[in-house]
Amino acid sequence: MSESAGEARIFISTLRPGRRERRLALGVVVASVVFFGALAPLAKTQLAPVWAFVPIYQSALAVCDLLTAALFLGQYSILFSRPLLILAGGYLVSACMAIAHTLSFPGLFSPTGLLGAGPQTTAWLYMMWHAAFPLAVIIYARSRPIEESVRPAAPGRSGVLCVAAAVSSACAMTAVATVGHRWLPPLMQGSHEAGVIVWVVGAVWLINFLALAALIARRARTVLDLWLIVVLCAWVFDIALSAVLNHGRFDLGFYAGRIYGFIASSFVLVALTFDNIKLYARVVQALGRERAEHQLVQHGTTQLNEAKALLEQRVAARTAALAESNRDLLREVTERKRAEAALVRSQSELREVAAIGSSAREQEMRRISRELHDELAQTLAMLKIEADRLRESIAGSPSSESGERRLAAMRSLLDEAVASTRRIASDLRPLVLDDLGLGAAIQWLVQNFTERNDVECELTLDPPELELHEPYATATFRILQESLTNVARHAHASHVEVRLAREQDRVVLTVHDDGVGFDPTRPRKSGSFGLAGLRERAYLVDGELSIDSSPGRGATIEVHIPLQAAHEREMS
């Protein structure tokens, strides 16, 4: 048995009865039998009605049952035993029914009783009352032993539910006996008993005998079980005198049965009270022992304080040495922090320089592309027109045939020069990006990639009118351009998917191909800067680039560009 279970055996609900407890309980039962035998023949003797007896008796009974229920709930908060909770509920139901019985008693507070009572209400409340408590005892007797109980997850909630269930049950029975009294069989005719009461009393009496038998048959009987057996014996005598052997209200059986009922409600309360007194005495003894031990602890504490003072001296010397070491370490940490701050500033400056350099390159490429497109291409076009005019002017001359051949060759060269100039200008800086925006430039880039490489390329823009300010539009265009260039050079793909979408506060560019793929973890080849260039362009706009690929299953490049960072840079 566990140590906690052994400590719990100080309560009467877990303590095994000894010879003294058995003799005392047997003596009480024998005395009850003797008095019952003396009173039974005189049960029908009519006595004077003492109306004050009913509220005094019922009030005392309710107080005793309420106190008993409270003590059981207190033990439940220590032992967490459901059987104790069941008994607490049974006693609480008994107290509530006693109060309802008093209020509905005819002629006490009103001619027919309070709570809307009828002529049968009080009798039926008595029967329900004396059946409910033994039912709770039967459930208790059929439960597992208290020392085998397991702590519930929420003991406080279980206690509240017990009280709520008990009060609800008492209210329900009271409602049946008051609101539904007209549909219940009559148990009383005025102040005398009716014939139907024999069957109802017999059923209630049987329930009490069953509860008594369940307690006697209970294994691992405790002192509490012993006193519950005494209580049920008294209840059996109470019902016998109050409802079986008597004739009506205010006869000897009426008074004697209720005295038995009051004594029955007091047995467990007295036992629990003495149990609490013994527990209090043990607490006082434990407190005395604790004080003695406290004095020993104080003496030991004095010795420890002396040792502590000596130790503190040694610790102070050691602390001084450590403090000096800490100062040296702090200086080193400070220097490292300065170096880290300088490194962060240097990285920030390098990023700014790289951004400025990239922007300068783009501007220079834009200028060169514009000049190639607007000046050189226009000049070549004018030469082409002049060559056409010259061919027309020499037509019909004797040497026109050889001249036309030369002019045709010159025109072919001019066409190639114009196409090359426009291609070079587009590669340097596509003018559609400056003139029509990012969406149109990306569509042009995808179409140009498809025509040049004969590879199907599917483009998705979400939303279709998506636009970005500089330098983010250029960075996005260049990242896509370099990604498609890598696909054309290395992927050997037959299908490419390009998606550019705006997702809340960022822009996501995804390029997926079904090519041969590669291992991103392998070191790059000497002179190969394709992926490094992609990362650098994403880095310049605070973007994040991820590559998902493996040999044989294509590659996916995804770039996230935060729009908030873009906006902040534009504002600065």
Protein backbone atom coordinates (compact mmCIF):
# COMPACT_ATOMS: atom_id res chain seq x y z
CA MET A 1 0.00 0.00 0.00
CA SER A 2 1.30 3.45 -0.87
CA GLU A 3 2.40 5.98 1.71
CA SER A 4 -0.42 8.36 0.81
CA ALA A 5 -2.97 5.59 1.32
CA GLY A 6 -1.50 4.88 4.75
CA GLU A 7 -1.74 8.54 5.71
CA ALA A 8 -5.40 8.57 4.62
CA ARG A 9 -6.33 5.92 7.20
CA ILE A 10 -6.59 8.57 9.91
CA PHE A 11 -10.21 9.24 8.73
CA ILE A 12 -13.22 7.16 9.77
CA SER A 13 -14.03 6.77 6.08
CA THR A 14 -10.82 4.75 5.60
CA LEU A 15 -10.07 3.42 9.09
CA ARG A 16 -10.83 -0.25 9.74
CA PRO A 17 -13.12 -0.76 12.77
CA GLY A 18 -11.62 -2.32 15.88
CA ARG A 19 -13.28 -4.28 18.66
CA ARG A 20 -14.16 -1.09 20.54
CA GLU A 21 -15.98 0.44 17.54
CA ARG A 22 -17.87 -2.81 16.85
CA ARG A 23 -19.02 -3.10 20.46
CA LEU A 24 -20.15 0.52 20.56
CA ALA A 25 -22.12 0.21 17.30
CA LEU A 26 -23.66 -3.07 18.46
CA GLY A 27 -24.66 -1.46 21.74
CA VAL A 28 -26.42 1.39 19.95
CA VAL A 29 -28.28 -1.05 17.70
CA VAL A 30 -29.35 -3.20 20.68
CA ALA A 31 -30.57 -0.10 22.55
CA SER A 32 -32.53 0.96 19.47
CA VAL A 33 -34.13 -2.48 19.22
CA VAL A 34 -35.07 -2.43 22.92
CA PHE A 35 -36.69 0.98 22.71
CA PHE A 36 -38.45 0.01 19.50
CA GLY A 37 -39.83 -3.10 21.16
CA ALA A 38 -41.12 -1.00 24.03
CA LEU A 39 -42.73 1.65 21.81
CA ALA A 40 -44.13 -0.53 19.03
CA PRO A 41 -47.26 -1.73 20.91
CA LEU A 42 -48.13 1.86 21.85
CA ALA A 43 -47.48 3.36 18.39
CA LYS A 44 -51.16 4.11 17.71
CA THR A 45 -51.73 5.93 21.00
CA GLN A 46 -52.99 9.38 20.10
CA LEU A 47 -51.15 12.28 21.77
CA ALA A 48 -51.76 15.99 21.84
CA PRO A 49 -50.59 17.75 18.65
CA VAL A 50 -47.51 19.87 19.39
CA TRP A 51 -47.14 21.97 16.25
CA ALA A 52 -43.83 23.46 17.36
CA PHE A 53 -42.34 19.93 17.42
CA VAL A 54 -42.44 19.64 13.62
CA PRO A 55 -40.38 22.77 12.71
CA ILE A 56 -37.99 22.23 15.65
CA TYR A 57 -37.38 18.58 14.71
CA GLN A 58 -37.14 19.25 10.96
CA SER A 59 -34.82 22.25 11.43
CA ALA A 60 -32.49 20.27 13.67
CA LEU A 61 -32.58 17.39 11.17
CA ALA A 62 -31.79 19.72 8.24
CA VAL A 63 -28.91 21.35 10.15
CA CYS A 64 -27.44 17.96 11.08
CA ASP A 65 -27.67 16.70 7.49
CA LEU A 66 -26.19 19.91 6.09
CA LEU A 67 -23.27 19.75 8.53
CA THR A 68 -22.73 16.09 7.69
CA ALA A 69 -22.75 16.85 3.96
CA ALA A 70 -20.28 19.69 4.50
CA LEU A 71 -17.92 17.41 6.47
CA PHE A 72 -18.08 14.77 3.73
CA LEU A 73 -17.30 17.41 1.10
CA GLY A 74 -14.35 18.51 3.23
CA GLN A 75 -13.01 14.95 3.38
CA TYR A 76 -13.58 14.63 -0.38
CA SER A 77 -11.32 17.67 -0.94
CA ILE A 78 -8.57 15.73 0.87
CA LEU A 79 -9.13 12.13 -0.26
CA PHE A 80 -10.77 12.83 -3.69
CA SER A 81 -13.04 9.83 -3.20
CA ARG A 82 -16.27 9.59 -5.20
CA PRO A 83 -18.02 7.45 -2.54
CA LEU A 84 -17.64 10.36 -0.10
CA LEU A 85 -19.13 12.65 -2.75
CA ILE A 86 -22.10 10.28 -3.11
CA LEU A 87 -22.72 10.30 0.67
CA ALA A 88 -22.44 14.09 0.74
CA GLY A 89 -25.07 14.24 -2.00
CA GLY A 90 -27.33 11.83 -0.10
CA TYR A 91 -27.17 13.90 3.09
CA LEU A 92 -27.69 17.12 1.12
CA VAL A 93 -30.81 15.64 -0.53
CA SER A 94 -32.04 14.59 2.93
CA ALA A 95 -31.55 18.14 4.26
CA CYS A 96 -33.38 19.71 1.31
CA MET A 97 -36.24 17.23 1.59
CA ALA A 98 -36.52 17.95 5.33
CA ILE A 99 -36.89 21.66 4.55
CA ALA A 100 -39.48 20.99 1.83
CA HIS A 101 -41.36 18.62 4.16
CA THR A 102 -41.51 21.31 6.84
CA LEU A 103 -42.72 24.04 4.50
CA SER A 104 -45.43 21.83 2.99
CA PHE A 105 -46.68 20.40 6.31
CA PRO A 106 -50.44 21.15 6.48
CA GLY A 107 -51.57 23.44 9.25
CA LEU A 108 -48.05 24.54 10.16
CA PHE A 109 -47.53 27.69 8.12
CA SER A 110 -50.84 27.60 6.23
CA PRO A 111 -53.90 25.33 6.27
CA THR A 112 -52.65 23.29 3.28
CA GLY A 113 -48.90 24.04 3.55
CA LEU A 114 -46.62 26.24 1.51
CA LEU A 115 -45.04 25.58 -1.94
CA GLY A 116 -48.48 24.94 -3.45
CA ALA A 117 -48.84 21.74 -1.42
CA GLY A 118 -51.88 19.53 -1.54
CA PRO A 119 -53.32 17.08 1.01
CA GLN A 120 -50.93 14.29 -0.19
CA THR A 121 -47.78 16.39 -0.63
CA THR A 122 -46.26 15.92 2.83
CA ALA A 123 -46.80 12.16 2.87
CA TRP A 124 -45.25 11.69 -0.57
CA LEU A 125 -42.31 13.95 0.34
CA TYR A 126 -41.71 11.73 3.39
CA MET A 127 -41.70 8.60 1.22
CA MET A 128 -39.40 10.10 -1.43
CA TRP A 129 -37.11 11.45 1.28
CA HIS A 130 -36.80 8.09 3.03
CA ALA A 131 -36.18 6.33 -0.29
CA ALA A 132 -33.59 8.78 -1.68
CA PHE A 133 -31.06 8.55 1.14
CA PRO A 134 -30.85 4.70 1.21
CA LEU A 135 -30.48 4.75 -2.57
CA ALA A 136 -27.42 6.99 -2.12
CA VAL A 137 -26.11 4.53 0.49
CA ILE A 138 -26.58 1.62 -1.94
CA ILE A 139 -24.56 3.48 -4.59
CA TYR A 140 -21.91 4.22 -1.98
CA ALA A 141 -21.76 0.58 -0.89
CA ARG A 142 -21.36 -0.60 -4.49
CA SER A 143 -18.51 1.85 -5.18
CA ARG A 144 -14.83 0.98 -5.02
CA PRO A 145 -13.05 1.37 -1.64
CA ILE A 146 -12.10 4.91 -0.78
CA GLU A 147 -8.35 4.20 -0.63
CA GLU A 148 -8.48 2.96 -4.25
CA SER A 149 -9.93 6.22 -5.53
CA VAL A 150 -8.09 8.24 -8.17
CA ARG A 151 -7.76 12.02 -8.04
CA PRO A 152 -10.18 13.53 -10.60
CA ALA A 153 -9.04 16.10 -13.13
CA ALA A 154 -11.17 18.88 -11.55
CA PRO A 155 -12.17 18.00 -7.93
CA GLY A 156 -13.69 21.44 -7.32
CA ARG A 157 -15.99 21.04 -10.30
CA SER A 158 -17.00 17.56 -9.10
CA GLY A 159 -18.01 19.03 -5.73
CA VAL A 160 -20.08 21.76 -7.38
CA LEU A 161 -21.77 19.21 -9.63
CA CYS A 162 -22.56 17.05 -6.59
CA VAL A 163 -24.24 19.96 -4.78
CA ALA A 164 -26.12 20.99 -7.95
CA ALA A 165 -27.29 17.41 -8.59
CA ALA A 166 -28.48 16.97 -4.99
CA VAL A 167 -30.39 20.25 -4.91
CA SER A 168 -31.87 19.57 -8.37
CA SER A 169 -32.99 16.10 -7.30
CA ALA A 170 -34.66 17.49 -4.17
CA CYS A 171 -36.36 20.21 -6.21
CA ALA A 172 -37.58 17.66 -8.76
CA MET A 173 -39.08 15.40 -6.08
CA THR A 174 -40.68 18.42 -4.40
CA ALA A 175 -42.16 19.48 -7.73
CA VAL A 176 -43.61 16.00 -8.27
CA ALA A 177 -45.17 16.03 -4.81
CA THR A 178 -46.57 19.58 -5.11
CA VAL A 179 -47.41 20.30 -8.73
CA GLY A 180 -48.31 16.68 -9.46
CA HIS A 181 -49.94 15.78 -6.12
CA ARG A 182 -53.39 15.49 -7.71
CA TRP A 183 -52.15 12.65 -9.93
CA LEU A 184 -50.46 10.72 -7.07
CA PRO A 185 -52.36 7.98 -5.20
CA PRO A 186 -53.74 9.28 -1.87
CA LEU A 187 -51.66 8.23 1.14
CA MET A 188 -53.54 10.27 3.77
CA GLN A 189 -57.20 10.89 4.55
CA GLY A 190 -57.04 14.02 6.66
CA SER A 191 -54.57 13.24 9.45
CA HIS A 192 -54.97 9.46 9.11
CA GLU A 193 -53.33 7.02 6.74
CA ALA A 194 -55.06 5.67 3.62
CA GLY A 195 -54.90 2.07 2.41
CA VAL A 196 -52.46 2.73 -0.45
CA ILE A 197 -49.77 3.81 2.01
CA VAL A 198 -49.08 0.17 2.93
CA TRP A 199 -47.66 -0.59 -0.53
CA VAL A 200 -45.67 2.62 -0.76
CA VAL A 201 -44.25 2.22 2.76
CA GLY A 202 -43.43 -1.40 1.98
CA ALA A 203 -41.39 -0.34 -1.08
CA VAL A 204 -39.56 2.37 0.87
CA TRP A 205 -38.92 -0.03 3.75
CA LEU A 206 -37.54 -2.60 1.29
CA ILE A 207 -35.12 -0.03 -0.13
CA ASN A 208 -33.80 0.67 3.38
CA PHE A 209 -33.33 -3.06 4.03
CA LEU A 210 -31.48 -3.39 0.70
CA ALA A 211 -29.19 -0.51 1.67
CA LEU A 212 -28.56 -2.17 5.04
CA ALA A 213 -27.74 -5.47 3.31
CA ALA A 214 -25.38 -3.72 0.85
CA LEU A 215 -23.46 -2.17 3.73
CA ILE A 216 -23.22 -5.45 5.62
CA ALA A 217 -21.96 -7.22 2.49
CA ARG A 218 -19.46 -4.47 1.66
CA ARG A 219 -15.88 -5.69 1.56
CA ALA A 220 -13.14 -3.83 3.43
CA ARG A 221 -15.66 -2.32 5.84
CA THR A 222 -14.64 0.94 7.57
CA VAL A 223 -15.74 2.73 10.73
CA LEU A 224 -17.94 4.92 8.54
CA ASP A 225 -19.67 1.81 7.13
CA LEU A 226 -20.30 0.64 10.70
CA TRP A 227 -22.05 3.88 11.67
CA LEU A 228 -24.03 3.93 8.42
CA ILE A 229 -25.35 0.49 9.38
CA VAL A 230 -26.46 2.00 12.70
CA VAL A 231 -28.08 4.92 10.85
CA LEU A 232 -30.05 2.63 8.53
CA CYS A 233 -31.22 0.53 11.47
CA ALA A 234 -32.58 3.71 13.04
CA TRP A 235 -34.22 4.66 9.72
CA VAL A 236 -35.92 1.26 9.56
CA PHE A 237 -37.32 1.82 13.06
CA ASP A 238 -38.26 5.40 12.08
CA ILE A 239 -40.34 4.18 9.09
CA ALA A 240 -41.84 1.36 11.14
CA LEU A 241 -43.04 3.70 13.90
CA SER A 242 -43.97 6.68 11.69
CA ALA A 243 -45.67 4.95 8.77
CA VAL A 244 -46.25 1.22 9.46
CA LEU A 245 -47.33 0.71 13.07
CA ASN A 246 -48.93 4.09 13.80
CA HIS A 247 -52.39 5.35 12.84
CA GLY A 248 -51.87 8.98 11.82
CA ARG A 249 -50.22 12.24 12.69
CA PHE A 250 -49.38 13.20 16.30
CA ASP A 251 -49.69 9.74 17.77
CA LEU A 252 -46.89 8.07 19.73
CA GLY A 253 -45.46 6.40 16.60
CA PHE A 254 -45.39 9.77 14.82
CA TYR A 255 -43.30 11.40 17.60
CA ALA A 256 -41.12 8.34 18.32
CA GLY A 257 -40.33 7.69 14.65
CA ARG A 258 -39.13 11.25 14.14
CA ILE A 259 -36.98 11.03 17.27
CA TYR A 260 -35.41 7.93 15.71
CA GLY A 261 -34.88 9.91 12.50
CA PHE A 262 -33.16 12.75 14.35
CA ILE A 263 -30.92 10.32 16.23
CA ALA A 264 -30.10 8.58 12.95
CA SER A 265 -29.04 11.87 11.34
CA SER A 266 -26.83 12.61 14.36
CA PHE A 267 -24.81 9.37 14.46
CA VAL A 268 -22.51 10.07 11.50
CA LEU A 269 -22.31 13.78 12.37
CA VAL A 270 -21.11 12.95 15.89
CA ALA A 271 -18.65 10.39 14.53
CA LEU A 272 -17.28 12.89 12.02
CA THR A 273 -17.08 15.56 14.72
CA PHE A 274 -15.04 13.30 17.00
CA ASP A 275 -12.96 12.36 13.96
CA ASN A 276 -12.22 16.05 13.34
CA ILE A 277 -11.37 16.53 17.04
CA LYS A 278 -8.86 13.69 16.85
CA LEU A 279 -7.44 15.12 13.65
CA TYR A 280 -7.12 18.51 15.32
CA ALA A 281 -5.31 16.90 18.26
CA ARG A 282 -2.91 15.25 15.84
CA VAL A 283 -2.36 18.61 14.15
CA VAL A 284 -1.52 20.16 17.55
CA GLN A 285 0.92 17.32 18.30
CA ALA A 286 2.47 17.68 14.86
CA LEU A 287 2.79 21.42 15.43
CA GLY A 288 4.61 20.76 18.71
CA ARG A 289 6.99 18.38 16.99
CA GLU A 290 7.46 20.90 14.21
CA ARG A 291 8.39 23.59 16.75
CA ALA A 292 10.97 21.32 18.35
CA GLU A 293 12.39 20.49 14.95
CA HIS A 294 12.33 24.19 14.13
CA GLN A 295 14.55 24.89 17.14
CA LEU A 296 16.96 22.23 15.94
CA VAL A 297 16.88 23.80 12.50
CA GLN A 298 17.61 27.23 13.99
CA HIS A 299 20.64 25.80 15.81
CA GLY A 300 21.81 24.20 12.61
CA THR A 301 21.11 27.45 10.76
CA THR A 302 23.41 29.33 13.15
CA GLN A 303 26.21 26.91 12.39
CA LEU A 304 25.46 27.19 8.69
CA ASN A 305 25.57 30.99 8.92
CA GLU A 306 29.04 30.84 10.44
CA ALA A 307 30.17 28.52 7.70
CA LYS A 308 28.43 30.79 5.21
CA ALA A 309 30.36 33.84 6.46
CA LEU A 310 33.65 32.00 6.01
CA LEU A 311 32.57 30.84 2.58
CA GLU A 312 31.51 34.36 1.62
CA GLN A 313 34.99 35.63 2.42
CA ARG A 314 36.47 33.06 0.11
CA VAL A 315 33.83 33.78 -2.52
CA ALA A 316 34.53 37.52 -2.28
CA ALA A 317 38.19 36.93 -3.04
CA ARG A 318 37.28 34.65 -5.91
CA THR A 319 34.67 37.13 -7.13
CA ALA A 320 37.23 39.91 -7.26
CA ALA A 321 39.43 37.76 -9.48
CA LEU A 322 36.46 36.85 -11.66
CA ALA A 323 35.41 40.50 -11.85
CA GLU A 324 38.80 41.40 -13.26
CA SER A 325 38.48 38.57 -15.77
CA ASN A 326 34.96 39.75 -16.62
CA ARG A 327 36.22 43.29 -17.25
CA ASP A 328 38.82 41.94 -19.64
CA LEU A 329 36.18 39.79 -21.30
CA LEU A 330 33.80 42.76 -21.48
CA ARG A 331 36.45 44.83 -23.23
CA GLU A 332 36.98 42.01 -25.70
CA VAL A 333 33.23 41.63 -26.27
CA THR A 334 32.92 45.40 -26.77
CA GLU A 335 35.67 45.34 -29.37
CA ARG A 336 33.99 42.44 -31.12
CA LYS A 337 30.67 44.27 -31.13
CA ARG A 338 32.37 47.31 -32.64
CA ALA A 339 33.93 45.08 -35.28
CA GLU A 340 30.55 43.45 -35.98
CA ALA A 341 28.88 46.88 -36.22
CA ALA A 342 31.60 48.03 -38.61
CA LEU A 343 31.10 44.86 -40.65
CA VAL A 344 27.35 45.45 -40.79
CA ARG A 345 27.93 49.05 -41.90
CA SER A 346 30.43 47.84 -44.47
CA GLN A 347 27.95 45.29 -45.79
CA SER A 348 25.24 47.95 -45.96
CA GLU A 349 27.61 50.29 -47.81
CA LEU A 350 28.60 47.48 -50.17
CA ARG A 351 24.96 46.76 -50.87
CA GLU A 352 24.32 50.45 -51.49
CA VAL A 353 27.36 50.66 -53.77
CA ALA A 354 26.24 47.51 -55.61
CA ALA A 355 22.75 48.96 -56.01
CA ILE A 356 24.17 52.23 -57.30
CA GLY A 357 26.45 50.33 -59.67
CA SER A 358 23.60 48.18 -60.93
CA SER A 359 21.42 51.23 -61.40
CA ALA A 360 24.26 53.01 -63.23
CA ARG A 361 24.76 50.01 -65.50
CA GLU A 362 21.09 49.86 -66.30
CA GLN A 363 20.98 53.58 -67.03
CA GLU A 364 24.05 53.32 -69.27
CA MET A 365 22.59 50.28 -71.05
CA ARG A 366 19.32 52.20 -71.44
CA ARG A 367 21.21 55.13 -72.93
CA ILE A 368 23.22 52.94 -75.32
CA SER A 369 20.12 50.99 -76.30
CA ARG A 370 18.22 54.21 -76.94
CA GLU A 371 21.06 55.61 -79.05
CA LEU A 372 21.37 52.37 -81.04
CA HIS A 373 17.63 52.33 -81.61
CA ASP A 374 17.11 56.03 -82.23
CA GLU A 375 20.36 57.00 -84.02
CA LEU A 376 22.26 54.04 -85.50
CA ALA A 377 19.15 52.08 -86.46
CA GLN A 378 17.60 55.23 -87.97
CA THR A 379 20.80 55.98 -89.86
CA LEU A 380 20.93 52.47 -91.26
CA ALA A 381 17.27 52.74 -92.22
CA MET A 382 17.99 55.99 -94.08
CA LEU A 383 20.91 54.29 -95.87
CA LYS A 384 18.54 51.53 -96.89
CA ILE A 385 16.10 54.07 -98.29
CA GLU A 386 18.89 55.88 -100.18
CA ALA A 387 20.11 52.55 -101.58
CA ASP A 388 16.61 51.86 -102.87
CA ARG A 389 16.52 55.30 -104.51
CA LEU A 390 19.95 54.75 -106.09
CA ARG A 391 18.80 51.44 -107.52
CA GLU A 392 15.80 53.13 -109.07
CA SER A 393 17.97 55.90 -110.54
CA ILE A 394 20.39 53.55 -112.30
CA ALA A 395 17.67 51.32 -113.62
CA GLY A 396 17.88 51.17 -117.46
CA SER A 397 21.54 52.24 -117.68
CA PRO A 398 24.05 50.00 -119.52
CA SER A 399 25.67 48.91 -116.29
CA SER A 400 22.40 48.64 -114.40
CA GLU A 401 22.50 44.89 -114.01
CA SER A 402 25.82 44.75 -112.17
CA GLY A 403 24.90 47.87 -110.16
CA GLU A 404 21.61 46.38 -109.06
CA ARG A 405 23.39 43.24 -107.90
CA ARG A 406 25.75 45.35 -105.81
CA LEU A 407 22.90 47.42 -104.45
CA ALA A 408 20.95 44.27 -103.58
CA ALA A 409 23.95 42.96 -101.70
CA MET A 410 24.32 46.34 -99.95
CA ARG A 411 20.59 46.29 -99.04
CA SER A 412 20.90 42.76 -97.61
CA LEU A 413 23.84 43.90 -95.50
CA LEU A 414 21.87 46.94 -94.36
CA ASP A 415 18.90 44.70 -93.38
CA GLU A 416 21.21 42.50 -91.34
CA ALA A 417 22.80 45.58 -89.74
CA VAL A 418 19.38 47.00 -88.81
CA ALA A 419 18.24 43.64 -87.34
CA SER A 420 21.50 43.22 -85.41
CA THR A 421 21.30 46.80 -84.11
CA ARG A 422 17.74 46.30 -82.89
CA ARG A 423 18.63 42.91 -81.35
CA ILE A 424 21.64 44.37 -79.56
CA ALA A 425 19.54 47.31 -78.35
CA SER A 426 16.83 44.91 -77.08
CA ASP A 427 19.40 42.76 -75.29
CA LEU A 428 20.96 45.80 -73.66
CA ARG A 429 17.66 47.29 -72.56
CA PRO A 430 14.28 46.41 -74.08
CA LEU A 431 12.57 49.70 -74.77
CA VAL A 432 9.19 48.06 -74.16
CA LEU A 433 10.07 47.93 -70.44
CA ASP A 434 10.44 51.73 -70.35
CA ASP A 435 7.64 52.50 -72.79
CA LEU A 436 4.89 49.99 -71.90
CA GLY A 437 5.81 48.70 -68.42
CA LEU A 438 6.78 45.45 -66.71
CA GLY A 439 3.81 43.33 -67.82
CA ALA A 440 4.27 44.06 -71.52
CA ALA A 441 8.07 43.61 -71.23
CA ILE A 442 7.68 40.18 -69.65
CA GLN A 443 5.20 39.11 -72.33
CA TRP A 444 7.66 40.27 -75.00
CA LEU A 445 10.53 38.43 -73.26
CA VAL A 446 8.55 35.16 -73.03
CA GLN A 447 7.45 35.42 -76.68
CA ASN A 448 11.03 36.19 -77.81
CA PHE A 449 12.32 33.20 -75.76
CA THR A 450 9.77 30.89 -77.43
CA GLU A 451 10.64 32.10 -80.94
CA ARG A 452 14.41 31.91 -80.45
CA ASN A 453 14.58 28.51 -78.69
CA ASP A 454 11.49 26.74 -80.03
CA VAL A 455 10.45 25.90 -76.43
CA GLU A 456 6.84 26.21 -75.28
CA CYS A 457 6.61 28.83 -72.52
CA GLU A 458 3.41 29.40 -70.53
CA LEU A 459 3.04 32.83 -68.83
CA THR A 460 0.70 33.71 -65.95
CA LEU A 461 0.35 37.31 -64.67
CA ASP A 462 -1.74 37.84 -61.54
CA PRO A 463 -3.10 40.49 -61.79
CA PRO A 464 -2.65 41.01 -65.55
CA GLU A 465 -1.96 44.72 -65.04
CA LEU A 466 0.76 44.15 -62.41
CA GLU A 467 3.37 46.92 -62.44
CA LEU A 468 6.37 47.80 -60.25
CA HIS A 469 8.44 50.97 -59.84
CA GLU A 470 12.15 51.14 -60.48
CA PRO A 471 14.54 49.55 -59.62
CA TYR A 472 12.20 46.62 -58.81
CA ALA A 473 10.70 46.34 -62.27
CA THR A 474 14.17 46.12 -63.81
CA ALA A 475 15.36 43.61 -61.18
CA THR A 476 12.32 41.38 -61.79
CA PHE A 477 12.79 41.58 -65.57
CA ARG A 478 16.51 40.80 -65.35
CA ILE A 479 15.97 37.86 -62.99
CA LEU A 480 13.43 36.37 -65.40
CA GLN A 481 15.73 37.12 -68.37
CA GLU A 482 18.71 35.37 -66.76
CA SER A 483 16.50 32.44 -65.64
CA LEU A 484 15.23 31.90 -69.19
CA THR A 485 18.79 32.24 -70.52
CA ASN A 486 19.93 29.49 -68.12
CA VAL A 487 17.02 27.30 -69.24
CA ALA A 488 17.93 27.83 -72.92
CA ARG A 489 21.60 27.04 -72.31
CA HIS A 490 21.52 24.13 -69.86
CA ALA A 491 18.03 22.70 -69.19
CA HIS A 492 17.19 21.05 -72.55
CA ALA A 493 13.55 21.62 -71.58
CA SER A 494 10.45 21.22 -73.74
CA HIS A 495 8.08 23.25 -71.54
CA VAL A 496 8.58 26.25 -69.24
CA GLU A 497 6.06 27.80 -66.85
CA VAL A 498 6.47 31.43 -65.76
CA ARG A 499 4.25 32.96 -63.06
CA LEU A 500 4.42 36.52 -61.73
CA ALA A 501 1.91 37.26 -58.99
CA ARG A 502 1.29 39.74 -56.23
CA GLU A 503 0.57 38.11 -52.87
CA GLN A 504 -0.44 40.67 -50.24
CA ASP A 505 2.77 42.61 -49.43
CA ARG A 506 5.15 40.90 -51.84
CA VAL A 507 5.67 39.90 -55.48
CA VAL A 508 6.49 36.27 -56.30
CA LEU A 509 8.23 35.24 -59.52
CA THR A 510 8.31 31.50 -60.31
CA VAL A 511 10.11 29.85 -63.25
CA HIS A 512 9.66 26.09 -63.64
CA ASP A 513 11.06 23.89 -66.43
CA ASP A 514 10.84 20.17 -67.20
CA GLY A 515 14.49 19.88 -68.20
CA VAL A 516 17.35 17.71 -66.99
CA GLY A 517 17.70 19.51 -63.67
CA PHE A 518 20.86 19.80 -61.55
CA ASP A 519 22.16 19.48 -57.97
CA PRO A 520 22.07 22.95 -56.29
CA THR A 521 24.46 21.78 -53.55
CA ARG A 522 27.32 21.06 -55.96
CA PRO A 523 29.99 23.78 -56.27
CA ARG A 524 29.52 26.01 -59.32
CA LYS A 525 31.81 25.66 -62.29
CA SER A 526 34.64 28.11 -62.82
CA GLY A 527 33.37 31.05 -64.82
CA SER A 528 29.69 30.16 -64.29
CA PHE A 529 27.84 33.01 -62.55
CA GLY A 530 24.24 32.39 -63.63
CA LEU A 531 22.80 31.44 -60.21
CA ALA A 532 25.14 33.83 -58.40
CA GLY A 533 23.86 36.66 -60.62
CA LEU A 534 20.27 35.73 -59.78
CA ARG A 535 21.01 35.81 -56.05
CA GLU A 536 22.84 39.14 -56.34
CA ARG A 537 19.94 40.78 -58.21
CA ALA A 538 17.44 39.45 -55.62
CA TYR A 539 19.73 40.63 -52.80
CA LEU A 540 19.81 44.20 -54.19
CA VAL A 541 16.02 44.53 -53.75
CA ASP A 542 15.87 42.70 -50.37
CA GLY A 543 14.41 39.68 -52.11
CA GLU A 544 14.75 36.00 -51.32
CA LEU A 545 15.64 33.44 -54.00
CA SER A 546 15.10 29.69 -53.63
CA ILE A 547 16.04 26.91 -56.05
CA ASP A 548 14.41 23.49 -56.05
CA SER A 549 15.97 21.01 -58.43
CA SER A 550 17.49 17.58 -58.70
CA PRO A 551 18.91 15.62 -61.65
CA GLY A 552 16.19 14.31 -63.93
CA ARG A 553 13.17 16.26 -62.61
CA GLY A 554 13.63 19.82 -63.84
CA ALA A 555 14.17 22.96 -61.80
CA THR A 556 12.05 25.60 -60.06
CA ILE A 557 13.35 29.09 -59.29
CA GLU A 558 11.22 31.22 -56.95
CA VAL A 559 11.93 34.84 -56.00
CA HIS A 560 10.06 36.80 -53.29
CA ILE A 561 10.35 40.60 -53.46
CA PRO A 562 8.86 42.47 -50.45
CA LEU A 563 6.80 45.45 -51.59
CA GLN A 564 7.06 47.11 -48.17
CA ALA A 565 10.85 47.21 -48.48
CA ALA A 566 10.47 48.56 -51.99
CA HIS A 567 8.16 51.31 -50.81
CA GLU A 568 10.50 52.27 -47.96
CA ARG A 569 13.45 52.54 -50.33
CA GLU A 570 11.43 54.68 -52.70
CA MET A 571 10.41 56.99 -49.84
CA SER A 572 14.02 57.31 -48.63
